[in-house]
N, C-alpha and C. Protein backbone atom coordinates (compact mmCIF):
# COMPACT_ATOMS: atom_id res chain seq x y z
N MET A 1 77.95 125.92 147.46
CA MET A 1 78.55 124.92 148.33
C MET A 1 79.89 125.46 148.83
N ASN A 2 80.13 125.29 150.10
CA ASN A 2 81.41 125.66 150.71
C ASN A 2 82.51 124.83 150.07
N ASP A 3 83.64 125.45 149.76
CA ASP A 3 84.74 124.75 149.09
C ASP A 3 85.20 123.52 149.88
N LEU A 4 85.23 123.60 151.21
CA LEU A 4 85.70 122.47 152.01
C LEU A 4 84.71 121.32 152.03
N ASP A 5 83.47 121.57 151.63
CA ASP A 5 82.47 120.50 151.56
C ASP A 5 82.51 119.73 150.24
N LYS A 6 83.30 120.20 149.30
CA LYS A 6 83.35 119.55 147.99
C LYS A 6 84.11 118.23 148.07
N ARG A 7 83.58 117.25 147.35
CA ARG A 7 84.21 115.93 147.27
C ARG A 7 85.20 115.92 146.11
N VAL A 8 86.39 115.40 146.39
CA VAL A 8 87.48 115.43 145.41
C VAL A 8 87.84 114.01 144.98
N ALA A 9 88.00 113.82 143.69
CA ALA A 9 88.54 112.57 143.14
C ALA A 9 89.87 112.91 142.47
N VAL A 10 90.88 112.12 142.77
CA VAL A 10 92.23 112.35 142.25
C VAL A 10 92.52 111.30 141.18
N PHE A 11 92.94 111.78 140.01
CA PHE A 11 93.27 110.91 138.87
C PHE A 11 94.72 111.19 138.47
N ILE A 12 95.59 110.19 138.64
CA ILE A 12 97.00 110.36 138.32
C ILE A 12 97.36 109.48 137.12
N ASP A 13 97.85 110.12 136.07
CA ASP A 13 98.40 109.42 134.91
C ASP A 13 99.84 109.07 135.28
N GLY A 14 100.05 107.83 135.72
CA GLY A 14 101.34 107.42 136.27
C GLY A 14 102.51 107.60 135.34
N SER A 15 102.38 107.18 134.10
CA SER A 15 103.48 107.29 133.15
C SER A 15 103.78 108.75 132.84
N ASN A 16 102.75 109.54 132.67
CA ASN A 16 102.93 110.96 132.39
C ASN A 16 103.65 111.64 133.55
N LEU A 17 103.21 111.35 134.77
CA LEU A 17 103.85 111.94 135.95
C LEU A 17 105.29 111.45 136.09
N TYR A 18 105.52 110.17 135.86
CA TYR A 18 106.87 109.60 135.95
C TYR A 18 107.83 110.35 135.03
N HIS A 19 107.42 110.57 133.79
CA HIS A 19 108.30 111.26 132.83
C HIS A 19 108.49 112.73 133.20
N LYS A 20 107.47 113.38 133.71
CA LYS A 20 107.61 114.78 134.14
C LYS A 20 108.58 114.87 135.32
N LEU A 21 108.49 113.92 136.25
CA LEU A 21 109.41 113.91 137.39
C LEU A 21 110.85 113.67 136.93
N LYS A 22 111.03 112.75 135.99
CA LYS A 22 112.38 112.50 135.47
C LYS A 22 112.95 113.75 134.80
N GLU A 23 112.11 114.50 134.09
CA GLU A 23 112.57 115.72 133.42
C GLU A 23 113.12 116.75 134.40
N ILE A 24 112.62 116.73 135.64
CA ILE A 24 113.14 117.68 136.64
C ILE A 24 114.08 116.98 137.63
N LYS A 25 114.62 115.84 137.19
CA LYS A 25 115.66 115.12 137.91
C LYS A 25 115.19 114.51 139.23
N ILE A 26 113.94 114.08 139.28
CA ILE A 26 113.45 113.29 140.41
C ILE A 26 113.40 111.85 139.91
N GLU A 27 114.31 111.04 140.41
CA GLU A 27 114.49 109.69 139.86
C GLU A 27 113.77 108.60 140.66
N ASN A 28 113.80 108.68 141.99
CA ASN A 28 113.25 107.59 142.79
C ASN A 28 111.75 107.80 143.00
N THR A 29 110.98 107.31 142.07
CA THR A 29 109.53 107.50 142.15
C THR A 29 108.82 106.33 142.84
N LEU A 30 109.55 105.26 143.16
CA LEU A 30 108.92 104.12 143.83
C LEU A 30 108.44 104.49 145.22
N ASP A 31 109.21 105.33 145.92
CA ASP A 31 108.86 105.70 147.28
C ASP A 31 108.30 107.12 147.37
N PHE A 32 107.97 107.71 146.24
CA PHE A 32 107.37 109.04 146.21
C PHE A 32 106.03 108.99 146.94
N ASP A 33 105.72 110.02 147.72
CA ASP A 33 104.48 110.05 148.50
C ASP A 33 103.35 110.64 147.66
N TYR A 34 102.76 109.79 146.82
CA TYR A 34 101.69 110.22 145.93
C TYR A 34 100.45 110.66 146.72
N LYS A 35 100.16 109.96 147.81
CA LYS A 35 98.99 110.32 148.62
C LYS A 35 99.21 111.67 149.28
N GLY A 36 100.42 111.91 149.79
CA GLY A 36 100.72 113.21 150.39
C GLY A 36 100.53 114.33 149.39
N LEU A 37 101.00 114.12 148.17
CA LEU A 37 100.82 115.12 147.11
C LEU A 37 99.33 115.35 146.84
N ALA A 38 98.59 114.26 146.70
CA ALA A 38 97.15 114.38 146.41
C ALA A 38 96.43 115.12 147.54
N ASP A 39 96.77 114.81 148.77
CA ASP A 39 96.10 115.45 149.91
C ASP A 39 96.41 116.94 149.98
N ILE A 40 97.65 117.32 149.69
CA ILE A 40 98.01 118.75 149.67
C ILE A 40 97.23 119.46 148.56
N LEU A 41 97.15 118.82 147.40
CA LEU A 41 96.42 119.42 146.28
C LEU A 41 94.93 119.55 146.57
N ALA A 42 94.39 118.66 147.41
CA ALA A 42 92.97 118.71 147.77
C ALA A 42 92.66 119.91 148.68
N ARG A 43 93.66 120.49 149.30
CA ARG A 43 93.51 121.70 150.11
C ARG A 43 92.41 121.59 151.18
N GLY A 44 92.42 120.48 151.91
CA GLY A 44 91.49 120.32 153.02
C GLY A 44 90.13 119.77 152.65
N ARG A 45 89.88 119.60 151.37
CA ARG A 45 88.60 119.02 150.94
C ARG A 45 88.66 117.50 151.10
N LYS A 46 87.49 116.88 151.18
CA LYS A 46 87.41 115.43 151.38
C LYS A 46 87.75 114.69 150.08
N VAL A 47 88.80 113.88 150.13
CA VAL A 47 89.16 113.06 148.96
C VAL A 47 88.35 111.76 149.04
N VAL A 48 87.54 111.53 148.03
CA VAL A 48 86.68 110.35 147.99
C VAL A 48 87.28 109.23 147.14
N SER A 49 88.31 109.56 146.37
CA SER A 49 88.88 108.56 145.47
C SER A 49 90.30 108.96 145.07
N TYR A 50 91.22 107.99 145.21
CA TYR A 50 92.59 108.15 144.73
C TYR A 50 92.79 107.09 143.65
N ARG A 51 93.11 107.51 142.43
CA ARG A 51 93.31 106.54 141.34
C ARG A 51 94.64 106.82 140.64
N TYR A 52 95.35 105.75 140.36
CA TYR A 52 96.65 105.82 139.69
C TYR A 52 96.57 104.89 138.47
N TYR A 53 96.88 105.43 137.30
CA TYR A 53 96.75 104.69 136.03
C TYR A 53 98.12 104.50 135.40
N VAL A 54 98.38 103.28 134.92
CA VAL A 54 99.69 103.02 134.30
C VAL A 54 99.64 101.75 133.45
N GLY A 55 100.48 101.72 132.43
CA GLY A 55 100.68 100.51 131.65
C GLY A 55 101.57 99.56 132.43
N VAL A 56 101.24 98.30 132.41
CA VAL A 56 101.96 97.30 133.21
C VAL A 56 103.15 96.74 132.44
N VAL A 57 104.29 96.71 133.11
CA VAL A 57 105.50 96.09 132.56
C VAL A 57 105.33 94.57 132.69
N ARG A 58 105.52 93.88 131.61
CA ARG A 58 105.39 92.42 131.64
C ARG A 58 106.76 91.78 131.86
N ALA A 59 106.75 90.73 132.67
CA ALA A 59 107.98 89.97 132.88
C ALA A 59 108.32 89.23 131.60
N LYS A 60 109.61 89.16 131.29
CA LYS A 60 110.05 88.44 130.09
C LYS A 60 111.14 87.47 130.49
N LEU A 61 110.99 86.25 130.06
CA LEU A 61 111.98 85.22 130.36
C LEU A 61 113.34 85.64 129.81
N GLY A 62 114.34 85.71 130.69
CA GLY A 62 115.69 86.05 130.28
C GLY A 62 115.97 87.53 130.10
N ASP A 63 115.00 88.37 130.35
CA ASP A 63 115.19 89.82 130.20
C ASP A 63 115.29 90.44 131.59
N GLU A 64 116.54 90.57 132.06
CA GLU A 64 116.79 91.05 133.42
C GLU A 64 116.22 92.45 133.64
N LYS A 65 116.39 93.33 132.67
CA LYS A 65 115.91 94.71 132.83
C LYS A 65 114.39 94.75 132.97
N ALA A 66 113.69 94.02 132.10
CA ALA A 66 112.23 93.98 132.16
C ALA A 66 111.76 93.40 133.49
N ASN A 67 112.46 92.37 133.97
CA ASN A 67 112.09 91.74 135.23
C ASN A 67 112.33 92.67 136.41
N GLN A 68 113.42 93.45 136.38
CA GLN A 68 113.68 94.44 137.43
C GLN A 68 112.63 95.54 137.40
N MET A 69 112.29 95.99 136.20
CA MET A 69 111.25 97.03 136.07
C MET A 69 109.91 96.52 136.59
N ARG A 70 109.60 95.28 136.28
CA ARG A 70 108.34 94.69 136.74
C ARG A 70 108.32 94.60 138.26
N ALA A 71 109.43 94.17 138.86
CA ALA A 71 109.50 94.07 140.32
C ALA A 71 109.34 95.45 140.96
N GLY A 72 109.98 96.45 140.39
CA GLY A 72 109.84 97.81 140.90
C GLY A 72 108.41 98.31 140.78
N GLN A 73 107.79 98.01 139.66
CA GLN A 73 106.41 98.45 139.46
C GLN A 73 105.47 97.75 140.44
N GLN A 74 105.71 96.47 140.71
CA GLN A 74 104.87 95.75 141.67
C GLN A 74 105.03 96.34 143.08
N LYS A 75 106.25 96.76 143.42
CA LYS A 75 106.49 97.42 144.71
C LYS A 75 105.71 98.74 144.76
N LEU A 76 105.75 99.50 143.68
CA LEU A 76 105.01 100.75 143.60
C LEU A 76 103.52 100.48 143.79
N PHE A 77 102.98 99.49 143.10
CA PHE A 77 101.55 99.18 143.21
C PHE A 77 101.18 98.83 144.65
N SER A 78 102.02 98.03 145.31
CA SER A 78 101.76 97.67 146.71
C SER A 78 101.76 98.90 147.60
N ASN A 79 102.74 99.79 147.39
CA ASN A 79 102.81 101.03 148.17
C ASN A 79 101.56 101.87 147.96
N LEU A 80 101.15 102.03 146.70
CA LEU A 80 99.97 102.84 146.39
C LEU A 80 98.71 102.24 147.01
N GLU A 81 98.54 100.94 146.84
CA GLU A 81 97.34 100.28 147.37
C GLU A 81 97.29 100.36 148.89
N SER A 82 98.45 100.27 149.55
CA SER A 82 98.47 100.36 151.01
C SER A 82 98.13 101.77 151.49
N ARG A 83 98.23 102.75 150.61
CA ARG A 83 97.90 104.15 150.95
C ARG A 83 96.51 104.55 150.46
N GLY A 84 95.72 103.57 149.99
CA GLY A 84 94.34 103.85 149.62
C GLY A 84 94.09 104.12 148.15
N PHE A 85 95.08 103.90 147.31
CA PHE A 85 94.90 104.12 145.87
C PHE A 85 94.30 102.89 145.21
N LEU A 86 93.48 103.15 144.22
CA LEU A 86 93.05 102.12 143.29
C LEU A 86 94.01 102.22 142.10
N VAL A 87 94.70 101.14 141.80
CA VAL A 87 95.64 101.13 140.68
C VAL A 87 94.94 100.54 139.47
N GLU A 88 94.80 101.36 138.44
CA GLU A 88 94.14 100.94 137.20
C GLU A 88 95.23 100.64 136.17
N GLN A 89 95.20 99.43 135.62
CA GLN A 89 96.29 98.98 134.76
C GLN A 89 95.89 98.92 133.29
N GLY A 90 96.72 99.55 132.46
CA GLY A 90 96.64 99.39 131.02
C GLY A 90 97.75 98.41 130.65
N TYR A 91 98.21 98.47 129.43
CA TYR A 91 99.31 97.60 129.05
C TYR A 91 100.31 98.35 128.20
N LEU A 92 101.49 97.77 128.07
CA LEU A 92 102.54 98.35 127.25
C LEU A 92 102.69 97.51 125.99
N MET A 93 102.74 98.18 124.86
CA MET A 93 102.94 97.50 123.59
C MET A 93 104.32 97.87 123.07
N GLU A 94 105.08 96.86 122.68
CA GLU A 94 106.42 97.11 122.14
C GLU A 94 106.35 97.20 120.62
N ASN A 95 107.03 98.21 120.09
CA ASN A 95 107.09 98.39 118.65
C ASN A 95 108.49 98.91 118.32
N ASN A 96 109.27 98.09 117.61
CA ASN A 96 110.64 98.45 117.24
C ASN A 96 111.49 98.85 118.45
N GLY A 97 111.35 98.10 119.54
CA GLY A 97 112.17 98.35 120.72
C GLY A 97 111.67 99.48 121.61
N LYS A 98 110.61 100.15 121.22
CA LYS A 98 110.04 101.23 122.04
C LYS A 98 108.70 100.77 122.59
N PHE A 99 108.43 101.20 123.82
CA PHE A 99 107.18 100.82 124.46
C PHE A 99 106.18 101.97 124.41
N HIS A 100 104.93 101.62 124.15
CA HIS A 100 103.85 102.60 124.10
C HIS A 100 102.72 102.11 124.99
N GLU A 101 102.22 103.00 125.83
CA GLU A 101 101.13 102.66 126.72
C GLU A 101 99.83 102.59 125.94
N LYS A 102 99.02 101.61 126.25
CA LYS A 102 97.73 101.45 125.58
C LYS A 102 96.63 101.28 126.64
N GLY A 103 95.52 101.94 126.40
CA GLY A 103 94.35 101.76 127.26
C GLY A 103 94.28 102.66 128.48
N VAL A 104 95.36 103.36 128.79
CA VAL A 104 95.39 104.16 130.02
C VAL A 104 94.54 105.43 129.88
N ASP A 105 94.72 106.16 128.79
CA ASP A 105 93.94 107.40 128.60
C ASP A 105 92.44 107.10 128.58
N VAL A 106 92.06 106.01 127.96
CA VAL A 106 90.65 105.63 127.88
C VAL A 106 90.12 105.32 129.28
N LYS A 107 90.92 104.64 130.09
CA LYS A 107 90.50 104.33 131.46
C LYS A 107 90.31 105.61 132.28
N ILE A 108 91.26 106.54 132.16
CA ILE A 108 91.14 107.81 132.90
C ILE A 108 89.87 108.54 132.45
N ALA A 109 89.70 108.68 131.14
CA ALA A 109 88.54 109.39 130.61
C ALA A 109 87.23 108.74 131.05
N THR A 110 87.17 107.42 130.96
CA THR A 110 85.96 106.69 131.34
C THR A 110 85.65 106.89 132.82
N ASP A 111 86.65 106.73 133.67
CA ASP A 111 86.42 106.88 135.11
C ASP A 111 86.03 108.30 135.48
N MET A 112 86.66 109.29 134.84
CA MET A 112 86.28 110.68 135.11
C MET A 112 84.84 110.94 134.70
N LEU A 113 84.46 110.44 133.54
CA LEU A 113 83.12 110.67 133.02
C LEU A 113 82.05 109.94 133.84
N ILE A 114 82.29 108.68 134.14
CA ILE A 114 81.33 107.91 134.96
C ILE A 114 81.18 108.56 136.33
N GLY A 115 82.30 108.94 136.94
CA GLY A 115 82.24 109.59 138.25
C GLY A 115 81.44 110.88 138.22
N ALA A 116 81.58 111.63 137.13
CA ALA A 116 80.82 112.88 136.99
C ALA A 116 79.33 112.58 136.82
N TYR A 117 78.99 111.65 135.93
CA TYR A 117 77.58 111.31 135.70
C TYR A 117 76.92 110.72 136.94
N GLU A 118 77.67 109.91 137.68
CA GLU A 118 77.10 109.27 138.88
C GLU A 118 77.23 110.16 140.11
N ASN A 119 77.68 111.39 139.93
CA ASN A 119 77.83 112.36 141.01
C ASN A 119 78.70 111.83 142.15
N LYS A 120 79.81 111.20 141.80
CA LYS A 120 80.74 110.65 142.79
C LYS A 120 81.70 111.70 143.32
N TYR A 121 81.84 112.81 142.60
CA TYR A 121 82.75 113.87 143.02
C TYR A 121 82.22 115.22 142.55
N ASP A 122 82.74 116.26 143.20
CA ASP A 122 82.45 117.64 142.79
C ASP A 122 83.63 118.24 142.04
N VAL A 123 84.82 117.78 142.42
CA VAL A 123 86.07 118.29 141.84
C VAL A 123 86.94 117.11 141.44
N ALA A 124 87.43 117.13 140.21
CA ALA A 124 88.41 116.14 139.75
C ALA A 124 89.78 116.82 139.71
N ILE A 125 90.74 116.23 140.40
CA ILE A 125 92.13 116.70 140.30
C ILE A 125 92.82 115.77 139.32
N LEU A 126 93.28 116.33 138.22
CA LEU A 126 93.91 115.55 137.15
C LEU A 126 95.40 115.86 137.12
N ILE A 127 96.20 114.84 137.43
CA ILE A 127 97.65 114.98 137.36
C ILE A 127 98.09 114.27 136.08
N SER A 128 98.10 115.03 135.01
CA SER A 128 98.45 114.54 133.68
C SER A 128 98.55 115.75 132.78
N SER A 129 99.39 115.66 131.77
CA SER A 129 99.47 116.73 130.78
C SER A 129 99.03 116.23 129.41
N ASP A 130 98.26 115.16 129.40
CA ASP A 130 97.84 114.52 128.16
C ASP A 130 96.63 115.23 127.55
N THR A 131 96.85 115.88 126.43
CA THR A 131 95.78 116.64 125.78
C THR A 131 94.71 115.75 125.16
N ASP A 132 94.94 114.44 125.10
CA ASP A 132 93.89 113.53 124.63
C ASP A 132 92.68 113.57 125.56
N LEU A 133 92.86 114.08 126.77
CA LEU A 133 91.77 114.13 127.74
C LEU A 133 90.89 115.38 127.60
N ILE A 134 91.25 116.29 126.72
CA ILE A 134 90.48 117.54 126.57
C ILE A 134 89.01 117.29 126.22
N PRO A 135 88.68 116.41 125.27
CA PRO A 135 87.25 116.21 124.97
C PRO A 135 86.43 115.77 126.18
N VAL A 136 86.96 114.87 126.99
CA VAL A 136 86.20 114.43 128.17
C VAL A 136 86.13 115.55 129.20
N ILE A 137 87.18 116.34 129.32
CA ILE A 137 87.16 117.47 130.25
C ILE A 137 86.07 118.46 129.84
N ARG A 138 85.97 118.74 128.57
CA ARG A 138 84.92 119.66 128.09
C ARG A 138 83.53 119.13 128.42
N HIS A 139 83.35 117.83 128.27
CA HIS A 139 82.05 117.24 128.57
C HIS A 139 81.75 117.32 130.06
N ILE A 140 82.75 117.04 130.88
CA ILE A 140 82.56 117.09 132.33
C ILE A 140 82.25 118.52 132.78
N ASN A 141 82.83 119.50 132.11
CA ASN A 141 82.51 120.89 132.41
C ASN A 141 81.01 121.16 132.23
N PHE A 142 80.40 120.57 131.20
CA PHE A 142 78.96 120.74 130.98
C PHE A 142 78.13 120.13 132.10
N LEU A 143 78.71 119.17 132.82
CA LEU A 143 78.02 118.53 133.94
C LEU A 143 78.20 119.33 135.24
N LYS A 144 78.81 120.49 135.12
CA LYS A 144 79.00 121.42 136.25
C LYS A 144 79.93 120.85 137.33
N LYS A 145 80.89 120.06 136.90
CA LYS A 145 81.93 119.58 137.80
C LYS A 145 83.18 120.43 137.58
N GLU A 146 83.95 120.60 138.62
CA GLU A 146 85.20 121.35 138.51
C GLU A 146 86.33 120.38 138.19
N ILE A 147 87.27 120.85 137.38
CA ILE A 147 88.45 120.05 137.06
C ILE A 147 89.67 120.91 137.31
N GLU A 148 90.58 120.36 138.10
CA GLU A 148 91.83 121.04 138.39
C GLU A 148 92.97 120.29 137.71
N TYR A 149 93.67 121.00 136.85
CA TYR A 149 94.82 120.43 136.13
C TYR A 149 96.08 120.70 136.94
N ILE A 150 96.83 119.65 137.21
CA ILE A 150 98.12 119.77 137.88
C ILE A 150 99.19 119.37 136.87
N GLY A 151 100.03 120.34 136.52
CA GLY A 151 101.09 120.12 135.56
C GLY A 151 102.41 120.62 136.12
N PHE A 152 103.35 120.82 135.23
CA PHE A 152 104.69 121.24 135.63
C PHE A 152 105.07 122.51 134.88
N SER A 153 105.68 123.43 135.61
CA SER A 153 105.98 124.75 135.03
C SER A 153 106.97 124.66 133.87
N HIS A 154 107.83 123.63 133.86
CA HIS A 154 108.83 123.54 132.79
C HIS A 154 108.22 123.05 131.47
N ASN A 155 107.01 122.48 131.53
CA ASN A 155 106.40 121.95 130.31
C ASN A 155 104.88 121.84 130.49
N PRO A 156 104.20 122.96 130.63
CA PRO A 156 102.75 122.91 130.88
C PRO A 156 101.96 122.55 129.63
N SER A 157 100.77 122.06 129.85
CA SER A 157 99.85 121.81 128.74
C SER A 157 98.89 122.99 128.65
N PHE A 158 99.14 123.85 127.68
CA PHE A 158 98.29 125.02 127.51
C PHE A 158 96.87 124.62 127.12
N GLY A 159 96.74 123.52 126.38
CA GLY A 159 95.42 123.02 126.00
C GLY A 159 94.60 122.64 127.22
N LEU A 160 95.22 121.94 128.17
CA LEU A 160 94.50 121.58 129.38
C LEU A 160 94.19 122.82 130.21
N GLN A 161 95.17 123.72 130.31
CA GLN A 161 94.96 124.93 131.11
C GLN A 161 93.74 125.71 130.63
N LYS A 162 93.52 125.75 129.32
CA LYS A 162 92.41 126.51 128.76
C LYS A 162 91.05 125.88 129.06
N ASN A 163 91.02 124.61 129.42
CA ASN A 163 89.75 123.89 129.53
C ASN A 163 89.37 123.47 130.94
N VAL A 164 90.14 123.86 131.93
CA VAL A 164 89.85 123.42 133.30
C VAL A 164 89.43 124.60 134.17
N THR A 165 88.92 124.27 135.35
CA THR A 165 88.48 125.28 136.31
C THR A 165 89.67 125.98 136.94
N LEU A 166 90.69 125.20 137.28
CA LEU A 166 91.87 125.70 137.97
C LEU A 166 93.09 124.97 137.45
N SER A 167 94.18 125.68 137.33
CA SER A 167 95.43 125.10 136.85
C SER A 167 96.52 125.41 137.88
N ARG A 168 97.29 124.39 138.22
CA ARG A 168 98.42 124.60 139.11
C ARG A 168 99.64 123.96 138.48
N LEU A 169 100.70 124.75 138.35
CA LEU A 169 101.95 124.25 137.77
C LEU A 169 102.98 124.10 138.87
N LEU A 170 103.50 122.89 138.99
CA LEU A 170 104.46 122.57 140.04
C LEU A 170 105.89 122.80 139.57
N ILE A 171 106.75 123.07 140.54
CA ILE A 171 108.19 123.12 140.31
C ILE A 171 108.83 122.09 141.23
N LYS A 172 110.09 121.80 141.01
CA LYS A 172 110.77 120.76 141.78
C LYS A 172 110.69 121.01 143.27
N ASP A 173 110.84 122.25 143.70
CA ASP A 173 110.80 122.56 145.14
C ASP A 173 109.45 122.21 145.76
N ASP A 174 108.37 122.28 145.00
CA ASP A 174 107.04 121.91 145.51
C ASP A 174 106.98 120.44 145.89
N LEU A 175 107.84 119.62 145.29
CA LEU A 175 107.76 118.17 145.44
C LEU A 175 108.73 117.60 146.47
N ALA A 176 109.63 118.42 146.99
CA ALA A 176 110.68 117.93 147.90
C ALA A 176 110.10 117.18 149.10
N GLN A 177 109.00 117.68 149.64
CA GLN A 177 108.41 117.06 150.83
C GLN A 177 107.82 115.67 150.56
N PHE A 178 107.66 115.30 149.31
CA PHE A 178 107.06 114.02 148.97
C PHE A 178 108.09 112.96 148.56
N LEU A 179 109.36 113.34 148.59
CA LEU A 179 110.42 112.41 148.24
C LEU A 179 110.78 111.57 149.46
N ALA A 180 111.21 110.33 149.21
CA ALA A 180 111.62 109.45 150.30
C ALA A 180 112.80 110.06 151.02
N LYS A 181 112.74 110.03 152.33
CA LYS A 181 113.83 110.56 153.14
C LYS A 181 114.90 109.48 153.28
N THR A 182 116.14 109.84 153.03
CA THR A 182 117.23 108.89 153.19
C THR A 182 117.97 109.20 154.47
N LEU A 183 118.36 108.17 155.17
CA LEU A 183 119.11 108.33 156.41
C LEU A 183 120.59 108.47 156.10
N ILE A 184 121.23 109.41 156.77
CA ILE A 184 122.66 109.64 156.53
C ILE A 184 123.46 108.97 157.61
C-alpha cells in the first residue's frame, strides 16, 4: 500500500502531553494547535480519527483554583471538538492532596485495539510516553498495524520506542508553529 493511502488515527494522552509541554516551558496549552500538530505528524496521509484523552477536573464549591481549572479545561474541550477531535474523558481521583488520573490509559488502549480489530486505521499515531500502553501496542503489532510513537527528546520512552514501527522525538522548536500567536 502506498504510504499516502494509509488511514491514520491520532491518539493523544492529554495529561501526558500537558506535562511534557510544561517540562519544556510551554505553558499556554489551552490554545495549542493540537490538530495542526496531528496533521503535520500524519505527513499527508488521511487522518480518519482525532482523539484526545484526559481526566476531567471537577468543579468544587468554594474552590476557586479547581473552578478556574475546570473552566480552562472546558474551553480546551470546546476548542478540540470544534477542530474535529473526539474528547474522551476519564476522571481525577484525589489522594492526600494529589490528583491521579483514572481510566484514561484503559480508554486509549481499548480504542486503539478496537480500531485495529475493526480495521478503522492502518497507522496509529500515539502521542504519549506511558509505558502502560506497551502490551496493547505489542498486540496491535500482531494485527499488522503500524504504530508511531511521538515523544520528547528531553525524556523519551525507550520502552515505547522499542515496540513501535516509527518513533519521533520532538523538541521545543518543533512545536513553535502550534503555539497561539499573540498580538503585540
